[in-house]
C-alpha atoms as a PDB file:
ATOM      1  CA  MET A   1      22.415   0.443  -1.213  1.00  0.00           C
ATOM      2  CA  LEU A   2      19.555  -0.420   2.110  1.00  0.00           C
ATOM      3  CA  ASP A   3      21.323  -2.399   4.724  1.00  0.00           C
ATOM      4  CA  LEU A   4      19.081  -4.622   7.136  1.00  0.00           C
ATOM      5  CA  THR A   5      21.738  -6.220   8.876  1.00  0.00           C
ATOM      6  CA  GLY A   6      21.020  -6.427  11.804  1.00  0.00           C
ATOM      7  CA  LYS A   7      18.159  -4.704  12.085  1.00  0.00           C
ATOM      8  CA  ARG A   8      14.556  -6.046  13.838  1.00  0.00           C
ATOM      9  CA  ILE A   9      10.933  -5.566  11.495  1.00  0.00           C
ATOM     10  CA  LEU A  10       8.036  -5.760  12.590  1.00  0.00           C
ATOM     11  CA  VAL A  11       4.550  -5.882   9.671  1.00  0.00           C
ATOM     12  CA  THR A  12       1.140  -5.379  10.520  1.00  0.00           C
ATOM     13  CA  GLY A  13      -1.073  -6.783   8.731  1.00  0.00           C
ATOM     14  CA  GLY A  14       1.688  -9.142   8.305  1.00  0.00           C
ATOM     15  CA  THR A  15      -0.925 -12.320   6.938  1.00  0.00           C
ATOM     16  CA  GLY A  16      -2.013  -9.721   4.024  1.00  0.00           C
ATOM     17  CA  SER A  17      -1.206 -10.102   0.330  1.00  0.00           C
ATOM     18  CA  PHE A  18       1.320  -7.675   0.937  1.00  0.00           C
ATOM     19  CA  GLY A  19       3.028  -8.957   4.327  1.00  0.00           C
ATOM     20  CA  LYS A  20       3.418 -12.711   2.934  1.00  0.00           C
ATOM     21  CA  GLN A  21       5.006 -10.496   0.010  1.00  0.00           C
ATOM     22  CA  PHE A  22       6.958  -8.031   1.831  1.00  0.00           C
ATOM     23  CA  ILE A  23       8.054 -11.213   4.119  1.00  0.00           C
ATOM     24  CA  ARG A  24       9.466 -13.346   1.424  1.00  0.00           C
ATOM     25  CA  THR A  25      11.134 -10.518  -0.096  1.00  0.00           C
ATOM     26  CA  ILE A  26      13.454  -9.901   3.232  1.00  0.00           C
ATOM     27  CA  LEU A  27      13.757 -13.156   3.740  1.00  0.00           C
ATOM     28  CA  LYS A  28      15.482 -14.099   0.493  1.00  0.00           C
ATOM     29  CA  GLN A  29      17.212 -10.578   0.049  1.00  0.00           C
ATOM     30  CA  TYR A  30      18.419  -9.523   3.128  1.00  0.00           C
ATOM     31  CA  PRO A  31      19.455 -12.812   5.206  1.00  0.00           C
ATOM     32  CA  GLY A  32      21.366 -10.693   7.631  1.00  0.00           C
ATOM     33  CA  ILE A  33      18.111  -9.850   9.347  1.00  0.00           C
ATOM     34  CA  LYS A  34      17.634  -9.751  13.098  1.00  0.00           C
ATOM     35  CA  LYS A  35      13.966 -10.387  13.499  1.00  0.00           C
ATOM     36  CA  LEU A  36      11.120 -10.238  11.238  1.00  0.00           C
ATOM     37  CA  VAL A  37       8.028 -10.246  12.993  1.00  0.00           C
ATOM     38  CA  VAL A  38       4.170 -10.532  11.882  1.00  0.00           C
ATOM     39  CA  PHE A  39       1.671  -8.819  13.867  1.00  0.00           C
ATOM     40  CA  SER A  40      -1.570  -9.118  12.890  1.00  0.00           C
ATOM     41  CA  ARG A  41      -5.232 -10.507  14.645  1.00  0.00           C
ATOM     42  CA  ASP A  42      -6.075 -13.784  13.137  1.00  0.00           C
ATOM     43  CA  GLU A  43      -4.382 -16.777  14.388  1.00  0.00           C
ATOM     44  CA  LEU A  44      -5.306 -19.323  11.592  1.00  0.00           C
ATOM     45  CA  LYS A  45      -3.706 -16.937   8.875  1.00  0.00           C
ATOM     46  CA  GLN A  46      -0.523 -17.051  11.403  1.00  0.00           C
ATOM     47  CA  TYR A  47      -0.721 -20.475  12.056  1.00  0.00           C
ATOM     48  CA  GLU A  48      -0.607 -21.145   8.348  1.00  0.00           C
ATOM     49  CA  MET A  49       1.521 -18.545   7.707  1.00  0.00           C
ATOM     50  CA  SER A  50       4.257 -20.049  10.011  1.00  0.00           C
ATOM     51  CA  ILE A  51       3.897 -23.493   8.044  1.00  0.00           C
ATOM     52  CA  GLU A  52       5.742 -21.723   5.128  1.00  0.00           C
ATOM     53  CA  PHE A  53       7.680 -19.857   7.191  1.00  0.00           C
ATOM     54  CA  PRO A  54       8.537 -21.857  10.257  1.00  0.00           C
ATOM     55  CA  GLU A  55      11.143 -20.470  12.272  1.00  0.00           C
ATOM     56  CA  SER A  56      13.043 -23.537  12.541  1.00  0.00           C
ATOM     57  CA  LYS A  57      13.818 -23.202   9.493  1.00  0.00           C
ATOM     58  CA  TYR A  58      13.816 -19.113   9.501  1.00  0.00           C
ATOM     59  CA  PRO A  59      14.949 -17.808  12.811  1.00  0.00           C
ATOM     60  CA  ALA A  60      14.655 -14.296  12.739  1.00  0.00           C
ATOM     61  CA  MET A  61      10.236 -14.749  12.043  1.00  0.00           C
ATOM     62  CA  ARG A  62       8.547 -13.803  15.265  1.00  0.00           C
ATOM     63  CA  TYR A  63       4.605 -14.161  14.964  1.00  0.00           C
ATOM     64  CA  PHE A  64       2.560 -11.734  17.731  1.00  0.00           C
ATOM     65  CA  LEU A  65      -1.444 -11.777  17.990  1.00  0.00           C
ATOM     66  CA  GLY A  66      -2.668  -8.384  18.650  1.00  0.00           C
ATOM     67  CA  ASP A  67      -4.803  -5.529  17.041  1.00  0.00           C
ATOM     68  CA  VAL A  68      -4.040  -2.110  15.706  1.00  0.00           C
ATOM     69  CA  ARG A  69      -7.110  -0.928  17.973  1.00  0.00           C
ATOM     70  CA  ASP A  70      -5.000  -2.222  21.094  1.00  0.00           C
ATOM     71  CA  PRO A  71      -2.455   0.896  21.758  1.00  0.00           C
ATOM     72  CA  GLN A  72      -0.698  -1.572  25.156  1.00  0.00           C
ATOM     73  CA  ARG A  73      -0.784  -4.368  23.017  1.00  0.00           C
ATOM     74  CA  LEU A  74       1.047  -2.311  20.021  1.00  0.00           C
ATOM     75  CA  LYS A  75       3.952  -0.783  22.509  1.00  0.00           C
ATOM     76  CA  ARG A  76       4.231  -4.202  23.663  1.00  0.00           C
ATOM     77  CA  ALA A  77       5.284  -5.528  20.282  1.00  0.00           C
ATOM     78  CA  PHE A  78       7.578  -2.694  19.319  1.00  0.00           C
ATOM     79  CA  GLU A  79       9.813  -3.317  22.145  1.00  0.00           C
ATOM     80  CA  ASN A  80      13.088  -3.853  20.756  1.00  0.00           C
ATOM     81  CA  ILE A  81      12.136  -2.848  16.891  1.00  0.00           C
ATOM     82  CA  ASP A  82      13.955  -1.347  14.805  1.00  0.00           C
ATOM     83  CA  ILE A  83      11.428  -0.881  11.644  1.00  0.00           C
ATOM     84  CA  VAL A  84       7.597  -1.084  11.125  1.00  0.00           C
ATOM     85  CA  ILE A  85       5.672  -1.367   8.497  1.00  0.00           C
ATOM     86  CA  HIS A  86       2.183  -0.419   8.721  1.00  0.00           C
ATOM     87  CA  ALA A  87       0.175  -2.821   6.298  1.00  0.00           C
ATOM     88  CA  ALA A  88      -2.799  -3.305   8.597  1.00  0.00           C
ATOM     89  CA  ALA A  89      -6.409  -1.457   7.679  1.00  0.00           C
ATOM     90  CA  LEU A  90      -9.848  -2.154   6.775  1.00  0.00           C
ATOM     91  CA  LYS A  91     -10.185  -1.999   3.297  1.00  0.00           C
ATOM     92  CA  GLN A  92     -13.711  -2.792   1.258  1.00  0.00           C
ATOM     93  CA  VAL A  93     -15.057   0.218   0.387  1.00  0.00           C
ATOM     94  CA  PRO A  94     -19.085  -1.088   0.549  1.00  0.00           C
ATOM     95  CA  ALA A  95     -18.196  -2.665   4.426  1.00  0.00           C
ATOM     96  CA  ALA A  96     -16.537   0.927   4.730  1.00  0.00           C
ATOM     97  CA  GLU A  97     -20.013   2.913   4.252  1.00  0.00           C
ATOM     98  CA  TYR A  98     -22.314   0.478   6.283  1.00  0.00           C
ATOM     99  CA  ASN A  99     -20.109   0.216   9.349  1.00  0.00           C
ATOM    100  CA  PRO A 100     -17.923   3.381   8.597  1.00  0.00           C
ATOM    101  CA  MET A 101     -17.080   3.098  12.432  1.00  0.00           C
ATOM    102  CA  GLU A 102     -15.383   0.060  12.732  1.00  0.00           C
ATOM    103  CA  PHE A 103     -12.947   1.805   9.578  1.00  0.00           C
ATOM    104  CA  ILE A 104     -12.123   4.615  12.005  1.00  0.00           C
ATOM    105  CA  LYS A 105     -11.793   2.721  14.447  1.00  0.00           C
ATOM    106  CA  THR A 106      -8.811   0.379  12.867  1.00  0.00           C
ATOM    107  CA  ASN A 107      -7.875   2.415  10.109  1.00  0.00           C
ATOM    108  CA  VAL A 108      -7.625   6.191  11.940  1.00  0.00           C
ATOM    109  CA  MET A 109      -6.949   5.366  15.638  1.00  0.00           C
ATOM    110  CA  GLY A 110      -5.038   2.698  15.003  1.00  0.00           C
ATOM    111  CA  ALA A 111      -2.756   4.647  12.620  1.00  0.00           C
ATOM    112  CA  GLU A 112      -2.354   7.033  16.079  1.00  0.00           C
ATOM    113  CA  ASN A 113      -1.729   3.885  17.648  1.00  0.00           C
ATOM    114  CA  ILE A 114       0.891   2.806  15.256  1.00  0.00           C
ATOM    115  CA  ILE A 115       1.980   6.550  16.084  1.00  0.00           C
ATOM    116  CA  ASN A 116       2.246   6.840  19.472  1.00  0.00           C
ATOM    117  CA  ALA A 117       3.667   3.374  20.126  1.00  0.00           C
ATOM    118  CA  ALA A 118       6.655   3.780  17.691  1.00  0.00           C
ATOM    119  CA  LEU A 119       7.750   7.424  19.622  1.00  0.00           C
ATOM    120  CA  GLU A 120       7.360   5.878  22.923  1.00  0.00           C
ATOM    121  CA  THR A 121       9.693   3.212  22.204  1.00  0.00           C
ATOM    122  CA  GLY A 122      13.269   2.227  20.246  1.00  0.00           C
ATOM    123  CA  VAL A 123      11.300   2.344  16.809  1.00  0.00           C
ATOM    124  CA  THR A 124      13.643   4.519  14.248  1.00  0.00           C
ATOM    125  CA  ASP A 125      11.454   4.060  11.215  1.00  0.00           C
ATOM    126  CA  VAL A 126       7.682   3.436  10.313  1.00  0.00           C
ATOM    127  CA  VAL A 127       6.933   3.635   6.391  1.00  0.00           C
ATOM    128  CA  ALA A 128       2.539   3.288   6.210  1.00  0.00           C
ATOM    129  CA  LEU A 129       1.020   2.253   3.075  1.00  0.00           C
ATOM    130  CA  SER A 130      -1.720   4.304   1.367  1.00  0.00           C
ATOM    131  CA  THR A 131      -4.622   3.768  -1.421  1.00  0.00           C
ATOM    132  CA  ASP A 132      -4.918   5.781  -4.762  1.00  0.00           C
ATOM    133  CA  LYS A 133      -8.408   6.034  -2.907  1.00  0.00           C
ATOM    134  CA  ALA A 134      -6.903   8.609  -0.325  1.00  0.00           C
ATOM    135  CA  ALA A 135      -6.787  11.117  -2.912  1.00  0.00           C
ATOM    136  CA  ALA A 136      -9.775  13.758  -2.865  1.00  0.00           C
ATOM    137  CA  PRO A 137     -11.234  10.743  -1.370  1.00  0.00           C
ATOM    138  CA  ILE A 138     -15.299   9.675  -2.100  1.00  0.00           C
ATOM    139  CA  ASN A 139     -16.256   7.312   0.379  1.00  0.00           C
ATOM    140  CA  LEU A 140     -15.224   6.647   3.823  1.00  0.00           C
ATOM    141  CA  TYR A 141     -12.240   4.277   3.240  1.00  0.00           C
ATOM    142  CA  GLY A 142     -10.356   6.795   1.116  1.00  0.00           C
ATOM    143  CA  ALA A 143     -11.381   8.916   4.059  1.00  0.00           C
ATOM    144  CA  THR A 144      -9.942   7.311   6.466  1.00  0.00           C
ATOM    145  CA  LYS A 145      -6.774   6.874   5.052  1.00  0.00           C
ATOM    146  CA  LEU A 146      -6.242  10.114   4.120  1.00  0.00           C
ATOM    147  CA  CYS A 147      -6.912  11.041   7.474  1.00  0.00           C
ATOM    148  CA  SER A 148      -3.926   8.112   8.074  1.00  0.00           C
ATOM    149  CA  ASP A 149      -1.601   9.188   6.020  1.00  0.00           C
ATOM    150  CA  LYS A 150      -2.317  12.915   7.403  1.00  0.00           C
ATOM    151  CA  LEU A 151      -1.688  11.437  10.884  1.00  0.00           C
ATOM    152  CA  PHE A 152       1.785   9.759   9.809  1.00  0.00           C
ATOM    153  CA  VAL A 153       2.999  13.089   8.105  1.00  0.00           C
ATOM    154  CA  ALA A 154       2.541  15.384  11.238  1.00  0.00           C
ATOM    155  CA  ALA A 155       3.957  12.721  13.390  1.00  0.00           C
ATOM    156  CA  ASN A 156       7.319  14.078  12.506  1.00  0.00           C
ATOM    157  CA  ASN A 157       6.355  17.385  13.835  1.00  0.00           C
ATOM    158  CA  ILE A 158       6.365  15.972  17.045  1.00  0.00           C
ATOM    159  CA  ARG A 159       9.595  13.006  17.161  1.00  0.00           C
ATOM    160  CA  GLY A 160      11.070  15.755  19.087  1.00  0.00           C
ATOM    161  CA  GLU A 161      15.175  15.395  18.957  1.00  0.00           C
ATOM    162  CA  THR A 162      14.872  11.537  18.000  1.00  0.00           C
ATOM    163  CA  ASN A 163      16.012  10.311  14.897  1.00  0.00           C
ATOM    164  CA  LYS A 164      12.896   8.817  14.079  1.00  0.00           C
ATOM    165  CA  LYS A 165      10.983   9.278  10.877  1.00  0.00           C
ATOM    166  CA  PHE A 166       7.457   8.581   9.926  1.00  0.00           C
ATOM    167  CA  SER A 167       6.404   7.957   5.928  1.00  0.00           C
ATOM    168  CA  VAL A 168       3.660   6.876   3.512  1.00  0.00           C
ATOM    169  CA  VAL A 169       4.164   5.019   0.445  1.00  0.00           C
ATOM    170  CA  ARG A 170       0.544   5.438  -1.543  1.00  0.00           C
ATOM    171  CA  TYR A 171      -0.261   3.460  -5.069  1.00  0.00           C
ATOM    172  CA  GLY A 172      -3.085   1.999  -6.958  1.00  0.00           C
ATOM    173  CA  ASN A 173      -5.019  -1.370  -6.709  1.00  0.00           C
ATOM    174  CA  VAL A 174      -2.608  -4.368  -6.214  1.00  0.00           C
ATOM    175  CA  MET A 175      -2.915  -6.925  -9.219  1.00  0.00           C
ATOM    176  CA  GLY A 176      -3.786 -10.293  -7.735  1.00  0.00           C
ATOM    177  CA  SER A 177      -4.957  -9.238  -4.024  1.00  0.00           C
ATOM    178  CA  ARG A 178      -7.801 -10.122  -2.313  1.00  0.00           C
ATOM    179  CA  GLY A 179     -11.221  -8.704  -3.137  1.00  0.00           C
ATOM    180  CA  SER A 180      -9.269  -7.615  -6.344  1.00  0.00           C
ATOM    181  CA  VAL A 181     -11.461  -7.457  -9.954  1.00  0.00           C
ATOM    182  CA  ILE A 182      -8.487  -9.878 -11.697  1.00  0.00           C
ATOM    183  CA  PRO A 183      -8.955 -12.694  -9.415  1.00  0.00           C
ATOM    184  CA  PHE A 184     -12.740 -12.402  -9.473  1.00  0.00           C
ATOM    185  CA  PHE A 185     -12.985 -12.326 -13.350  1.00  0.00           C
ATOM    186  CA  LEU A 186     -10.652 -15.371 -13.351  1.00  0.00           C
ATOM    187  CA  GLU A 187     -13.934 -17.007 -10.991  1.00  0.00           C
ATOM    188  CA  LYS A 188     -16.833 -15.929 -12.483  1.00  0.00           C
ATOM    189  CA  ARG A 189     -15.712 -16.669 -16.064  1.00  0.00           C
ATOM    190  CA  LYS A 190     -16.698 -20.193 -15.114  1.00  0.00           C
ATOM    191  CA  SER A 191     -20.063 -18.464 -15.671  1.00  0.00           C
ATOM    192  CA  GLY A 192     -19.726 -17.192 -19.166  1.00  0.00           C
ATOM    193  CA  THR A 193     -20.735 -13.363 -18.204  1.00  0.00           C
ATOM    194  CA  LEU A 194     -18.307 -10.865 -16.643  1.00  0.00           C
ATOM    195  CA  PRO A 195     -20.086  -8.066 -14.291  1.00  0.00           C
ATOM    196  CA  ILE A 196     -19.122  -4.301 -15.677  1.00  0.00           C
ATOM    197  CA  THR A 197     -19.834  -1.577 -12.895  1.00  0.00           C
ATOM    198  CA  HIS A 198     -18.534   1.147 -15.917  1.00  0.00           C
ATOM    199  CA  THR A 199     -17.357   0.658 -19.193  1.00  0.00           C
ATOM    200  CA  GLU A 200     -14.917   3.822 -19.133  1.00  0.00           C
ATOM    201  CA  MET A 201     -13.888   2.575 -15.686  1.00  0.00           C
ATOM    202  CA  THR A 202      -9.945   3.031 -14.787  1.00  0.00           C
ATOM    203  CA  ARG A 203      -7.503   2.145 -12.212  1.00  0.00           C
ATOM    204  CA  PHE A 204      -4.218   1.817 -11.363  1.00  0.00           C
ATOM    205  CA  ASN A 205      -2.199  -1.225 -11.693  1.00  0.00           C
ATOM    206  CA  ILE A 206       0.844  -2.362  -9.229  1.00  0.00           C
ATOM    207  CA  THR A 207       2.280  -5.842  -8.815  1.00  0.00           C
ATOM    208  CA  LEU A 208       2.780  -7.310  -5.183  1.00  0.00           C
ATOM    209  CA  ASN A 209       6.554  -6.739  -6.175  1.00  0.00           C
ATOM    210  CA  GLU A 210       6.260  -3.895  -7.089  1.00  0.00           C
ATOM    211  CA  GLY A 211       4.872  -2.429  -3.802  1.00  0.00           C
ATOM    212  CA  VAL A 212       7.036  -4.612  -2.073  1.00  0.00           C
ATOM    213  CA  ASP A 213      10.182  -2.548  -3.889  1.00  0.00           C
ATOM    214  CA  MET A 214       8.878   1.392  -3.239  1.00  0.00           C
ATOM    215  CA  VAL A 215       8.287   0.985   0.452  1.00  0.00           C
ATOM    216  CA  LEU A 216      11.895  -0.923   0.619  1.00  0.00           C
ATOM    217  CA  TYR A 217      12.401   2.271  -1.696  1.00  0.00           C
ATOM    218  CA  ALA A 218      11.070   4.743   0.684  1.00  0.00           C
ATOM    219  CA  LEU A 219      12.275   2.841   3.788  1.00  0.00           C
ATOM    220  CA  GLU A 220      15.706   3.834   2.216  1.00  0.00           C
ATOM    221  CA  HIS A 221      15.599   7.188   1.145  1.00  0.00           C
ATOM    222  CA  SER A 222      12.815   8.837   3.063  1.00  0.00           C
ATOM    223  CA  TRP A 223      13.615  12.224   4.611  1.00  0.00           C
ATOM    224  CA  GLY A 224      10.599  12.154   7.006  1.00  0.00           C
ATOM    225  CA  GLY A 225       7.067  13.168   6.401  1.00  0.00           C
ATOM    226  CA  GLU A 226       6.873  12.161   2.069  1.00  0.00           C
ATOM    227  CA  ILE A 227       4.116  10.807   0.525  1.00  0.00           C
ATOM    228  CA  PHE A 228       6.005   8.795  -1.959  1.00  0.00           C
ATOM    229  CA  VAL A 229       4.162   8.314  -5.350  1.00  0.00           C
ATOM    230  CA  PRO A 230       5.430   5.316  -7.726  1.00  0.00           C
ATOM    231  CA  LYS A 231       4.837   6.096 -11.524  1.00  0.00           C
ATOM    232  CA  ILE A 232       2.725   3.147 -12.869  1.00  0.00           C
ATOM    233  CA  PRO A 233       0.426   1.866 -15.490  1.00  0.00           C
ATOM    234  CA  SER A 234      -3.197   1.995 -15.650  1.00  0.00           C
ATOM    235  CA  TYR A 235      -5.670  -0.522 -17.409  1.00  0.00           C
ATOM    236  CA  LYS A 236      -9.579  -0.230 -18.454  1.00  0.00           C
ATOM    237  CA  ILE A 237     -11.760  -2.569 -16.535  1.00  0.00           C
ATOM    238  CA  THR A 238     -12.874  -3.722 -20.621  1.00  0.00           C
ATOM    239  CA  ALA A 239      -8.928  -4.566 -20.929  1.00  0.00           C
ATOM    240  CA  VAL A 240      -9.413  -6.835 -18.213  1.00  0.00           C
ATOM    241  CA  ALA A 241     -12.396  -8.632 -18.982  1.00  0.00           C
ATOM    242  CA  GLU A 242     -10.915  -8.898 -22.620  1.00  0.00           C
ATOM    243  CA  ALA A 243      -7.208 -10.543 -21.077  1.00  0.00           C
ATOM    244  CA  ILE A 244      -9.301 -12.390 -19.203  1.00  0.00           C
ATOM    245  CA  ALA A 245     -12.318 -14.050 -20.888  1.00  0.00           C
ATOM    246  CA  PRO A 246     -13.068 -12.261 -24.563  1.00  0.00           C
ATOM    247  CA  LYS A 247     -15.766 -14.983 -25.094  1.00  0.00           C
ATOM    248  CA  CYS A 248     -17.640 -13.844 -22.146  1.00  0.00           C
ATOM    249  CA  THR A 249     -20.484 -11.741 -22.261  1.00  0.00           C
ATOM    250  CA  LEU A 250     -19.917  -8.341 -20.576  1.00  0.00           C
ATOM    251  CA  VAL A 251     -23.319  -7.093 -18.046  1.00  0.00           C
ATOM    252  CA  ASP A 252     -23.313  -3.665 -17.408  1.00  0.00           C
ATOM    253  CA  VAL A 253     -24.126  -3.320 -13.539  1.00  0.00           C
ATOM    254  CA  GLY A 254     -23.243   0.272 -12.502  1.00  0.00           C
ATOM    255  CA  ILE A 255     -21.238   1.462 -10.266  1.00  0.00           C
ATOM    256  CA  ARG A 256     -21.004   0.634  -6.445  1.00  0.00           C
ATOM    257  CA  PRO A 257     -21.715   3.121  -4.049  1.00  0.00           C
ATOM    258  CA  GLY A 258     -18.589   5.313  -2.723  1.00  0.00           C
ATOM    259  CA  GLU A 259     -16.505   4.139  -5.987  1.00  0.00           C
ATOM    260  CA  LYS A 260     -14.923   6.487  -8.346  1.00  0.00           C
ATOM    261  CA  LEU A 261     -14.720   6.416 -12.263  1.00  0.00           C
ATOM    262  CA  HIS A 262     -11.261   6.991 -12.490  1.00  0.00           C
ATOM    263  CA  GLU A 263      -9.127   7.310  -9.042  1.00  0.00           C
ATOM    264  CA  ASP A 264      -6.295   9.727  -8.499  1.00  0.00           C
ATOM    265  CA  MET A 265      -3.035   9.651  -6.597  1.00  0.00           C
ATOM    266  CA  ILE A 266      -2.301  13.025  -6.787  1.00  0.00           C
ATOM    267  CA  THR A 267      -4.489  15.848  -7.120  1.00  0.00           C
ATOM    268  CA  GLU A 268      -4.703  19.367  -8.537  1.00  0.00           C
ATOM    269  CA  THR A 269      -4.180  20.788  -5.150  1.00  0.00           C
ATOM    270  CA  ASP A 270      -1.412  18.676  -4.208  1.00  0.00           C
ATOM    271  CA  SER A 271       0.668  19.580  -7.489  1.00  0.00           C
ATOM    272  CA  LEU A 272       1.510  22.582  -5.113  1.00  0.00           C
ATOM    273  CA  SER A 273       3.548  20.605  -2.929  1.00  0.00           C
ATOM    274  CA  THR A 274       4.004  17.998  -5.190  1.00  0.00           C
ATOM    275  CA  ILE A 275       7.930  16.704  -6.759  1.00  0.00           C
ATOM    276  CA  GLU A 276       8.564  14.622  -9.803  1.00  0.00           C
ATOM    277  CA  PHE A 277      11.783  12.017  -9.460  1.00  0.00           C
ATOM    278  CA  PRO A 278      12.862   9.938 -12.311  1.00  0.00           C
ATOM    279  CA  LYS A 279      10.723   6.900 -11.077  1.00  0.00           C
ATOM    280  CA  TYR A 280       8.522   8.623  -8.334  1.00  0.00           C
ATOM    281  CA  TYR A 281       6.937  11.548  -7.283  1.00  0.00           C
ATOM    282  CA  VAL A 282       6.635  13.191  -3.626  1.00  0.00           C
ATOM    283  CA  ILE A 283       4.214  14.743  -2.164  1.00  0.00           C
ATOM    284  CA  LEU A 284       5.566  16.787   0.558  1.00  0.00           C
ATOM    285  CA  PRO A 285       4.895  17.556   3.650  1.00  0.00           C
ATOM    286  CA  THR A 286       2.238  20.659   4.787  1.00  0.00           C
ATOM    287  CA  THR A 287       5.202  21.936   7.218  1.00  0.00           C
ATOM    288  CA  PRO A 288       8.622  19.805   6.652  1.00  0.00           C
ATOM    289  CA  THR A 289      11.467  19.636   8.928  1.00  0.00           C
ATOM    290  CA  TRP A 290      13.782  19.749   5.924  1.00  0.00           C
ATOM    291  CA  ASN A 291      14.164  22.345   3.053  1.00  0.00           C
ATOM    292  CA  PRO A 292      12.402  20.572  -0.138  1.00  0.00           C
ATOM    293  CA  GLU A 293      15.458  22.486  -2.288  1.00  0.00           C
ATOM    294  CA  ASP A 294      17.860  20.095  -0.761  1.00  0.00           C
ATOM    295  CA  LEU A 295      15.433  17.158  -1.273  1.00  0.00           C
ATOM    296  CA  MET A 296      15.649  18.104  -4.946  1.00  0.00           C
ATOM    297  CA  LYS A 297      19.388  18.809  -5.740  1.00  0.00           C
ATOM    298  CA  ALA A 298      20.225  15.526  -3.955  1.00  0.00           C
ATOM    299  CA  LYS A 299      17.300  12.978  -5.558  1.00  0.00           C
ATOM    300  CA  ASN A 300      17.044  14.858  -9.043  1.00  0.00           C
ATOM    301  CA  GLY A 301      14.121  16.254  -8.740  1.00  0.00           C
ATOM    302  CA  LYS A 302      12.018  19.180 -10.282  1.00  0.00           C
ATOM    303  CA  ARG A 303       8.643  20.835  -8.823  1.00  0.00           C
ATOM    304  CA  VAL A 304       5.525  19.705 -10.780  1.00  0.00           C
ATOM    305  CA  ALA A 305       3.535  22.235 -13.134  1.00  0.00           C
ATOM    306  CA  MET A 306       0.739  23.746 -11.393  1.00  0.00           C
ATOM    307  CA  GLY A 307      -2.618  22.054 -11.898  1.00  0.00           C
ATOM    308  CA  PHE A 308      -0.708  18.811 -12.887  1.00  0.00           C
ATOM    309  CA  LYS A 309      -2.811  15.664 -11.316  1.00  0.00           C
ATOM    310  CA  TYR A 310      -1.859  12.078 -11.616  1.00  0.00           C
ATOM    311  CA  CYS A 311      -5.381  10.329 -12.466  1.00  0.00           C
ATOM    312  CA  SER A 312      -5.635   6.676 -13.993  1.00  0.00           C
ATOM    313  CA  GLY A 313      -8.112   8.134 -16.521  1.00  0.00           C
ATOM    314  CA  THR A 314      -5.252  10.645 -17.977  1.00  0.00           C
ATOM    315  CA  ASN A 315      -2.058   8.422 -17.346  1.00  0.00           C
ATOM    316  CA  ASP A 316       0.433   8.314 -19.966  1.00  0.00           C
ATOM    317  CA  GLN A 317       1.175   4.731 -19.410  1.00  0.00           C
ATOM    318  CA  TRP A 318      -1.601   1.867 -20.393  1.00  0.00           C
ATOM    319  CA  LEU A 319      -1.759  -2.116 -20.233  1.00  0.00           C
ATOM    320  CA  THR A 320      -2.878  -3.823 -23.134  1.00  0.00           C
ATOM    321  CA  PRO A 321      -5.149  -6.754 -22.870  1.00  0.00           C
ATOM    322  CA  GLU A 322      -2.011  -9.030 -24.125  1.00  0.00           C
ATOM    323  CA  GLU A 323       0.527  -7.199 -21.530  1.00  0.00           C
ATOM    324  CA  LEU A 324      -2.236  -7.816 -18.653  1.00  0.00           C
ATOM    325  CA  ARG A 325      -2.867 -11.738 -19.578  1.00  0.00           C
ATOM    326  CA  SER A 326       1.453 -11.514 -19.453  1.00  0.00           C
ATOM    327  CA  LEU A 327       1.170 -10.183 -16.183  1.00  0.00           C
ATOM    328  CA  ILE A 328      -1.534 -12.081 -14.737  1.00  0.00           C
ATOM    329  CA  ILE A 329       0.675 -15.228 -15.510  1.00  0.00           C
ATOM    330  CA  GLU A 330       3.300 -13.828 -14.295  1.00  0.00           C
ATOM    331  CA  HIS A 331       2.138 -12.894 -10.937  1.00  0.00           C
ATOM    332  CA  VAL A 332      -1.256 -14.297 -10.106  1.00  0.00           C
ATOM    333  CA  ASP A 333      -1.459 -17.485 -11.888  1.00  0.00           C
ATOM    334  CA  SER A 334       0.891 -19.245 -13.680  1.00  0.00           C
ATOM    335  CA  THR A 335      -1.332 -22.021 -15.650  1.00  0.00           C
ATOM    336  CA  PHE A 336      -3.754 -19.058 -16.674  1.00  0.00           C
ATOM    337  CA  THR A 337      -5.212 -19.518 -20.314  1.00  0.00           C
ATOM    338  CA  VAL A 338      -7.589 -18.250 -22.313  1.00  0.00           C
END
């Protein structure tokens, strides 16, 4: 059981969808937390968040303005911090294609700054959020997140004799997150038409709560250098359209630049270094600082078959329109009706 009593946690990108849900979960489930720091660059979002989580009611809460591009500010923020959850990133695929260096500065150089600040302070655990777009990337956003993943995995090789651990959690589309398809369709259904990029398109689906739980699991069980991949269901984009607006006309607008028909989280090449566990997979580091056989024995794991891949289009778990409606009511909009 994860014990966070007396721990001091910092969340980069703490005002985002994941960050706010992570904060809610920690405050509810771990009342013994000593300090919980929101690190982000938007003072308005921090102000709005401080209304929901005021320090007067939640004495562990702190709000720290800063940018992951600024190594000195990160180092200052990491002083007297035990755990860092790295959720800050630029994420919009079309914006990345148009502004590549901005994404590189935040997603790649920002990751390196996180690592260096953690190595130079008392931080013991870092869990970085990744994305399915980092597996066999075809767009710049995915490429920057793959590079970020590699940096965090490799950071375990330079931690020396310290007890520091760096790991990564990779998962698919977060249900209801800002800019994602479900809130977009909920808004567009008012017009009577829904734009569909491709009728065969599929995506992985995970709720915010499940994403938070996976990060907490990685925090508790990481040996250092793993990429954790949860076993989650897929949906067809047409199933989402039917769930939200079955009477709307679907308009085929074509796949956007940098977009895939199906998403991968584990590629065939990754299968050579992937271990399966009951509820998740682990992609092993290229140069692990521990014996993978020991991990398999300790956690009841087994190596996947050569050539295995984890793809949203060939998944064995699928969400129906009815299941999607229930999830939308539970996790996105409690007032939702068809």
